[in-house]
C-alpha atoms as a PDB file:
ATOM      1  CA  MET A   1     159.098-106.436-144.707  1.00  0.00           C
ATOM      2  CA  SER A   2     159.234-107.941-148.058  1.00  0.00           C
ATOM      3  CA  ARG A   3     156.461-108.662-150.121  1.00  0.00           C
ATOM      4  CA  ASN A   4     155.948-112.360-149.901  1.00  0.00           C
ATOM      5  CA  THR A   5     153.195-113.154-152.291  1.00  0.00           C
ATOM      6  CA  GLY A   6     152.698-116.508-151.141  1.00  0.00           C
ATOM      7  CA  LEU A   7     155.313-118.893-153.308  1.00  0.00           C
ATOM      8  CA  LYS A   8     155.963-122.041-151.969  1.00  0.00           C
ATOM      9  CA  GLY A   9     158.896-124.366-152.455  1.00  0.00           C
ATOM     10  CA  ARG A  10     162.667-125.086-151.694  1.00  0.00           C
ATOM     11  CA  LEU A  11     163.705-121.442-150.398  1.00  0.00           C
ATOM     12  CA  ASN A  12     160.895-121.581-147.394  1.00  0.00           C
ATOM     13  CA  ARG A  13     163.243-123.895-145.664  1.00  0.00           C
ATOM     14  CA  SER A  14     167.261-123.773-145.142  1.00  0.00           C
ATOM     15  CA  LEU A  15     169.243-124.911-148.518  1.00  0.00           C
ATOM     16  CA  GLU A  16     172.902-125.698-148.670  1.00  0.00           C
ATOM     17  CA  SER A  17     174.926-122.921-151.230  1.00  0.00           C
ATOM     18  CA  SER A  18     175.743-126.004-153.316  1.00  0.00           C
ATOM     19  CA  SER A  19     171.970-126.657-153.867  1.00  0.00           C
ATOM     20  CA  ILE A  20     170.759-123.781-154.714  1.00  0.00           C
ATOM     21  CA  ARG A  21     170.111-122.969-158.447  1.00  0.00           C
ATOM     22  CA  SER A  22     170.005-119.068-159.405  1.00  0.00           C
ATOM     23  CA  ILE A  23     170.064-117.059-162.438  1.00  0.00           C
ATOM     24  CA  ALA A  24     171.370-113.313-162.290  1.00  0.00           C
ATOM     25  CA  PHE A  25     170.903-110.303-164.703  1.00  0.00           C
ATOM     26  CA  GLU A  26     173.453-107.881-165.704  1.00  0.00           C
ATOM     27  CA  ASP A  27     173.859-105.419-168.336  1.00  0.00           C
ATOM     28  CA  ALA A  28     176.932-104.724-169.963  1.00  0.00           C
ATOM     29  CA  ALA A  29     178.395-100.594-170.380  1.00  0.00           C
ATOM     30  CA  PHE A  30     176.435 -99.149-173.906  1.00  0.00           C
ATOM     31  CA  ARG A  31     176.549 -95.938-175.690  1.00  0.00           C
ATOM     32  CA  LYS A  32     173.469 -94.288-175.848  1.00  0.00           C
ATOM     33  CA  GLY A  33     172.215 -94.197-179.223  1.00  0.00           C
ATOM     34  CA  GLY A  34     174.275 -96.803-180.320  1.00  0.00           C
ATOM     35  CA  LEU A  35     173.046 -99.729-182.311  1.00  0.00           C
ATOM     36  CA  ASN A  36     169.457 -97.437-182.399  1.00  0.00           C
ATOM     37  CA  GLY A  37     170.126 -97.428-178.446  1.00  0.00           C
ATOM     38  CA  LYS A  38     170.668-101.122-177.336  1.00  0.00           C
ATOM     39  CA  ALA A  39     172.354-102.532-174.477  1.00  0.00           C
ATOM     40  CA  LEU A  40     173.849-106.128-173.923  1.00  0.00           C
ATOM     41  CA  LEU A  41     171.851-108.370-171.445  1.00  0.00           C
ATOM     42  CA  ILE A  42     173.856-111.367-169.901  1.00  0.00           C
ATOM     43  CA  ALA A  43     172.221-113.942-167.966  1.00  0.00           C
ATOM     44  CA  VAL A  44     174.274-116.210-165.942  1.00  0.00           C
ATOM     45  CA  VAL A  45     172.852-119.530-164.110  1.00  0.00           C
ATOM     46  CA  MET A  46     174.703-121.462-161.418  1.00  0.00           C
ATOM     47  CA  ASP A  47     174.253-124.239-159.462  1.00  0.00           C
ATOM     48  CA  GLY A  48     175.587-123.140-156.214  1.00  0.00           C
ATOM     49  CA  PHE A  49     179.089-121.756-157.306  1.00  0.00           C
ATOM     50  CA  HIS A  50     178.915-123.688-160.882  1.00  0.00           C
ATOM     51  CA  ILE A  51     177.830-121.830-164.038  1.00  0.00           C
ATOM     52  CA  SER A  52     175.704-124.367-165.898  1.00  0.00           C
ATOM     53  CA  ASP A  53     174.229-121.905-168.415  1.00  0.00           C
ATOM     54  CA  LEU A  54     175.109-118.521-169.765  1.00  0.00           C
ATOM     55  CA  SER A  55     173.288-116.287-172.358  1.00  0.00           C
ATOM     56  CA  PHE A  56     172.543-112.746-173.480  1.00  0.00           C
ATOM     57  CA  SER A  57     169.725-110.639-175.618  1.00  0.00           C
ATOM     58  CA  TYR A  58     169.697-107.297-176.088  1.00  0.00           C
ATOM     59  CA  ILE A  59     167.422-104.552-174.315  1.00  0.00           C
ATOM     60  CA  THR A  60     166.545-100.970-175.334  1.00  0.00           C
ATOM     61  CA  VAL A  61     168.447 -98.024-174.065  1.00  0.00           C
ATOM     62  CA  ASP A  62     165.923 -96.363-171.413  1.00  0.00           C
ATOM     63  CA  GLY A  63     163.457 -98.511-172.927  1.00  0.00           C
ATOM     64  CA  LEU A  64     160.572-100.546-171.333  1.00  0.00           C
ATOM     65  CA  ASP A  65     161.608-104.323-172.452  1.00  0.00           C
ATOM     66  CA  VAL A  66     164.096-105.280-169.788  1.00  0.00           C
ATOM     67  CA  THR A  67     161.374-107.702-168.172  1.00  0.00           C
ATOM     68  CA  ASP A  68     160.130-109.488-171.424  1.00  0.00           C
ATOM     69  CA  ARG A  69     164.064-110.204-172.181  1.00  0.00           C
ATOM     70  CA  MET A  70     164.711-111.571-168.666  1.00  0.00           C
ATOM     71  CA  VAL A  71     161.622-114.002-169.259  1.00  0.00           C
ATOM     72  CA  GLU A  72     162.716-115.043-172.353  1.00  0.00           C
ATOM     73  CA  LEU A  73     166.135-115.839-170.737  1.00  0.00           C
ATOM     74  CA  GLY A  74     165.055-117.642-168.051  1.00  0.00           C
ATOM     75  CA  LEU A  75     162.732-119.565-170.014  1.00  0.00           C
ATOM     76  CA  LYS A  76     165.157-120.288-172.594  1.00  0.00           C
ATOM     77  CA  MET A  77     167.674-121.327-169.437  1.00  0.00           C
ATOM     78  CA  SER A  78     165.316-123.879-168.272  1.00  0.00           C
ATOM     79  CA  GLY A  79     163.133-121.686-166.245  1.00  0.00           C
ATOM     80  CA  ASP A  80     163.470-123.278-162.977  1.00  0.00           C
ATOM     81  CA  PHE A  81     165.433-121.632-160.304  1.00  0.00           C
ATOM     82  CA  ASP A  82     165.191-120.998-156.433  1.00  0.00           C
ATOM     83  CA  VAL A  83     166.251-117.119-156.956  1.00  0.00           C
ATOM     84  CA  ILE A  84     166.399-114.588-159.466  1.00  0.00           C
ATOM     85  CA  LEU A  85     168.873-112.062-158.738  1.00  0.00           C
ATOM     86  CA  LEU A  86     168.899-108.831-159.861  1.00  0.00           C
ATOM     87  CA  HIS A  87     171.759-105.669-159.650  1.00  0.00           C
ATOM     88  CA  GLY A  88     169.022-103.443-159.369  1.00  0.00           C
ATOM     89  CA  ALA A  89     165.446-102.207-160.543  1.00  0.00           C
ATOM     90  CA  PRO A  90     166.951 -99.933-163.781  1.00  0.00           C
ATOM     91  CA  TYR A  91     168.772-102.023-166.877  1.00  0.00           C
ATOM     92  CA  GLY A  92     170.494 -99.920-169.652  1.00  0.00           C
ATOM     93  CA  GLY A  93     169.340 -96.567-168.260  1.00  0.00           C
ATOM     94  CA  PHE A  94     166.122 -96.182-167.457  1.00  0.00           C
ATOM     95  CA  ASN A  95     164.719 -99.552-168.417  1.00  0.00           C
ATOM     96  CA  ILE A  96     162.948-100.815-165.085  1.00  0.00           C
ATOM     97  CA  VAL A  97     162.412-104.485-164.119  1.00  0.00           C
ATOM     98  CA  ASP A  98     158.905-105.039-163.840  1.00  0.00           C
ATOM     99  CA  VAL A  99     159.680-107.620-160.592  1.00  0.00           C
ATOM    100  CA  GLU A 100     156.088-108.597-160.128  1.00  0.00           C
ATOM    101  CA  GLU A 101     155.950-109.716-163.914  1.00  0.00           C
ATOM    102  CA  LEU A 102     159.498-111.473-163.818  1.00  0.00           C
ATOM    103  CA  TYR A 103     158.192-113.400-160.741  1.00  0.00           C
ATOM    104  CA  SER A 104     154.915-114.360-161.793  1.00  0.00           C
ATOM    105  CA  LYS A 105     156.121-115.527-165.132  1.00  0.00           C
ATOM    106  CA  LEU A 106     159.044-117.667-163.888  1.00  0.00           C
ATOM    107  CA  TYR A 107     157.530-118.112-160.664  1.00  0.00           C
ATOM    108  CA  SER A 108     160.683-117.802-158.924  1.00  0.00           C
ATOM    109  CA  PRO A 109     161.002-115.222-155.858  1.00  0.00           C
ATOM    110  CA  VAL A 110     163.527-112.441-156.513  1.00  0.00           C
ATOM    111  CA  ILE A 111     166.270-110.555-154.684  1.00  0.00           C
ATOM    112  CA  SER A 112     168.029-107.235-155.454  1.00  0.00           C
ATOM    113  CA  VAL A 113     171.099-106.370-154.118  1.00  0.00           C
ATOM    114  CA  ILE A 114     172.991-102.809-154.492  1.00  0.00           C
ATOM    115  CA  SER A 115     175.580-101.672-152.841  1.00  0.00           C
ATOM    116  CA  SER A 116     174.223 -98.043-152.186  1.00  0.00           C
ATOM    117  CA  LYS A 117     171.090 -96.440-151.292  1.00  0.00           C
ATOM    118  CA  PRO A 118     169.008 -95.078-153.937  1.00  0.00           C
ATOM    119  CA  ASP A 119     168.593 -91.153-153.969  1.00  0.00           C
ATOM    120  CA  GLU A 120     164.854 -91.284-154.431  1.00  0.00           C
ATOM    121  CA  ASP A 121     164.901 -87.548-155.297  1.00  0.00           C
ATOM    122  CA  ALA A 122     167.269 -87.644-157.892  1.00  0.00           C
ATOM    123  CA  VAL A 123     165.739 -90.611-159.465  1.00  0.00           C
ATOM    124  CA  HIS A 124     162.576 -88.626-159.250  1.00  0.00           C
ATOM    125  CA  GLU A 125     163.850 -85.375-160.482  1.00  0.00           C
ATOM    126  CA  ALA A 126     165.326 -87.221-163.694  1.00  0.00           C
ATOM    127  CA  LEU A 127     162.308 -89.353-164.509  1.00  0.00           C
ATOM    128  CA  THR A 128     159.706 -86.284-164.533  1.00  0.00           C
ATOM    129  CA  LYS A 129     162.325 -84.334-166.363  1.00  0.00           C
ATOM    130  CA  HIS A 130     163.070 -86.708-169.139  1.00  0.00           C
ATOM    131  CA  PHE A 131     160.018 -89.183-169.802  1.00  0.00           C
ATOM    132  CA  GLN A 132     156.528 -88.942-170.552  1.00  0.00           C
ATOM    133  CA  ASP A 133     155.501 -92.186-168.881  1.00  0.00           C
ATOM    134  CA  TRP A 134     157.655 -91.100-165.607  1.00  0.00           C
ATOM    135  CA  VAL A 135     154.192 -92.396-163.816  1.00  0.00           C
ATOM    136  CA  LEU A 136     154.669 -95.951-164.926  1.00  0.00           C
ATOM    137  CA  ARG A 137     158.215 -95.855-164.421  1.00  0.00           C
ATOM    138  CA  LEU A 138     157.926 -94.583-160.947  1.00  0.00           C
ATOM    139  CA  SER A 139     155.064 -97.280-160.313  1.00  0.00           C
ATOM    140  CA  LEU A 140     157.598-100.020-161.354  1.00  0.00           C
ATOM    141  CA  LEU A 141     160.249 -98.647-158.950  1.00  0.00           C
ATOM    142  CA  GLU A 142     157.535 -98.762-155.979  1.00  0.00           C
ATOM    143  CA  LYS A 143     157.430-102.491-156.645  1.00  0.00           C
ATOM    144  CA  PHE A 144     161.090-102.695-155.143  1.00  0.00           C
ATOM    145  CA  LYS A 145     160.415-101.315-152.019  1.00  0.00           C
ATOM    146  CA  PRO A 146     161.260-101.496-149.032  1.00  0.00           C
ATOM    147  CA  ILE A 147     164.605-101.248-149.568  1.00  0.00           C
ATOM    148  CA  LEU A 148     166.592-102.577-146.840  1.00  0.00           C
ATOM    149  CA  PRO A 149     170.164-102.444-145.323  1.00  0.00           C
ATOM    150  CA  ILE A 150     171.840-105.477-144.651  1.00  0.00           C
ATOM    151  CA  TYR A 151     175.528-106.328-143.328  1.00  0.00           C
ATOM    152  CA  LEU A 152     177.123-109.126-146.206  1.00  0.00           C
ATOM    153  CA  LYS A 153     180.867-110.227-145.679  1.00  0.00           C
ATOM    154  CA  GLY A 154     181.908-107.188-144.173  1.00  0.00           C
ATOM    155  CA  PHE A 155     179.926-104.495-146.350  1.00  0.00           C
ATOM    156  CA  THR A 156     176.801-103.036-146.119  1.00  0.00           C
ATOM    157  CA  VAL A 157     174.520-103.653-149.163  1.00  0.00           C
ATOM    158  CA  TYR A 158     170.626-102.920-149.788  1.00  0.00           C
ATOM    159  CA  ILE A 159     168.095-105.303-150.837  1.00  0.00           C
ATOM    160  CA  SER A 160     164.938-105.817-151.776  1.00  0.00           C
ATOM    161  CA  CYS A 161     162.652-109.130-152.104  1.00  0.00           C
ATOM    162  CA  TYR A 162     159.731-110.186-154.013  1.00  0.00           C
ATOM    163  CA  GLY A 163     158.132-113.642-153.579  1.00  0.00           C
ATOM    164  CA  ILE A 164     160.187-114.548-150.193  1.00  0.00           C
ATOM    165  CA  ASP A 165     160.598-113.225-147.201  1.00  0.00           C
ATOM    166  CA  THR A 166     163.463-111.142-145.859  1.00  0.00           C
ATOM    167  CA  ASP A 167     165.049-113.828-143.775  1.00  0.00           C
ATOM    168  CA  HIS A 168     165.033-116.361-146.136  1.00  0.00           C
ATOM    169  CA  ALA A 169     166.383-113.837-148.547  1.00  0.00           C
ATOM    170  CA  ILE A 170     169.269-112.896-146.328  1.00  0.00           C
ATOM    171  CA  ASP A 171     170.221-116.632-145.862  1.00  0.00           C
ATOM    172  CA  ILE A 172     170.392-117.459-149.371  1.00  0.00           C
ATOM    173  CA  LEU A 173     172.645-114.035-150.076  1.00  0.00           C
ATOM    174  CA  ARG A 174     174.858-114.935-147.225  1.00  0.00           C
ATOM    175  CA  LYS A 175     175.171-118.471-148.429  1.00  0.00           C
ATOM    176  CA  LEU A 176     176.187-117.136-152.129  1.00  0.00           C
ATOM    177  CA  THR A 177     178.392-114.506-151.307  1.00  0.00           C
ATOM    178  CA  VAL A 178     182.452-115.267-150.996  1.00  0.00           C
ATOM    179  CA  ILE A 179     183.997-112.053-152.556  1.00  0.00           C
ATOM    180  CA  GLY A 180     182.948-108.070-151.846  1.00  0.00           C
ATOM    181  CA  LYS A 181     179.365-107.306-151.800  1.00  0.00           C
ATOM    182  CA  LEU A 182     177.419-109.257-154.129  1.00  0.00           C
ATOM    183  CA  PRO A 183     176.317-113.114-154.047  1.00  0.00           C
ATOM    184  CA  GLU A 184     178.331-114.976-156.499  1.00  0.00           C
ATOM    185  CA  PRO A 185     176.060-115.346-159.421  1.00  0.00           C
ATOM    186  CA  LEU A 186     175.809-111.560-159.600  1.00  0.00           C
ATOM    187  CA  ARG A 187     179.559-111.083-158.869  1.00  0.00           C
ATOM    188  CA  VAL A 188     180.280-113.516-161.998  1.00  0.00           C
ATOM    189  CA  ALA A 189     177.476-111.769-164.686  1.00  0.00           C
ATOM    190  CA  ARG A 190     179.177-108.418-163.661  1.00  0.00           C
ATOM    191  CA  LEU A 191     182.731-109.340-164.272  1.00  0.00           C
ATOM    192  CA  ILE A 192     181.638-110.814-167.275  1.00  0.00           C
ATOM    193  CA  ALA A 193     179.358-107.809-168.543  1.00  0.00           C
ATOM    194  CA  ARG A 194     182.677-105.425-167.804  1.00  0.00           C
ATOM    195  CA  SER A 195     184.833-107.637-169.903  1.00  0.00           C
ATOM    196  CA  LEU A 196     182.488-107.323-172.782  1.00  0.00           C
ATOM    197  CA  PRO A 197     184.090-104.533-175.633  1.00  0.00           C
ATOM    198  CA  MET A 198     181.581-101.796-176.005  1.00  0.00           C
ATOM    199  CA  ASP A 199     181.947-101.993-179.965  1.00  0.00           C
ATOM    200  CA  LEU A 200     180.555-105.603-179.176  1.00  0.00           C
ATOM    201  CA  TYR A 201     176.925-104.583-180.346  1.00  0.00           C
ATOM    202  CA  GLU A 202     178.313-103.026-183.381  1.00  0.00           C
ATOM    203  CA  GLU A 203     180.040-106.413-184.404  1.00  0.00           C
ATOM    204  CA  ILE A 204     177.230-108.690-183.817  1.00  0.00           C
ATOM    205  CA  SER A 205     175.115-106.360-185.597  1.00  0.00           C
ATOM    206  CA  THR A 206     176.921-106.276-189.144  1.00  0.00           C
END
């Protein structure tokens, strides 16, 4: 089951794909230590399959500021979304989203989609080895559980939900997915992130 925290809104009933307003977040490639350890965070707003807004911010590699940056971008881009789409829990290395805070600040349900099941033992080992605050980071990852496999356009993907029940989340993902394993807003955000040169950060900062 998902963590349905009682959000009442349009996603408690079936929607046509063209009427779903979503915001999707993706991070661009980064060099550890480059630009003071910063990574670019991309935010794409789509009405159905139409891109209506695009913005970006910086997050600290292996920091704990990704949730704040997502909230800032969401509020800047209207803050009125039917669903927030994430590509997993960590961004910029192990900068882990606080999905509960993201939901409460933007008041929109959150769906995370990844293509393979996380290796929890490997993640636990990496966090305990490299981070003094590993307990906090693990507690943030726990908020994404349960992580459930679903069948999406011929592929098995893994999802977690916050503020929306699993059935409605799956319905939304199937309506928004056209090509490949990711719903269109996430796919577009990923394409934009991958198209950006890694030295863009240095160019902007100078």
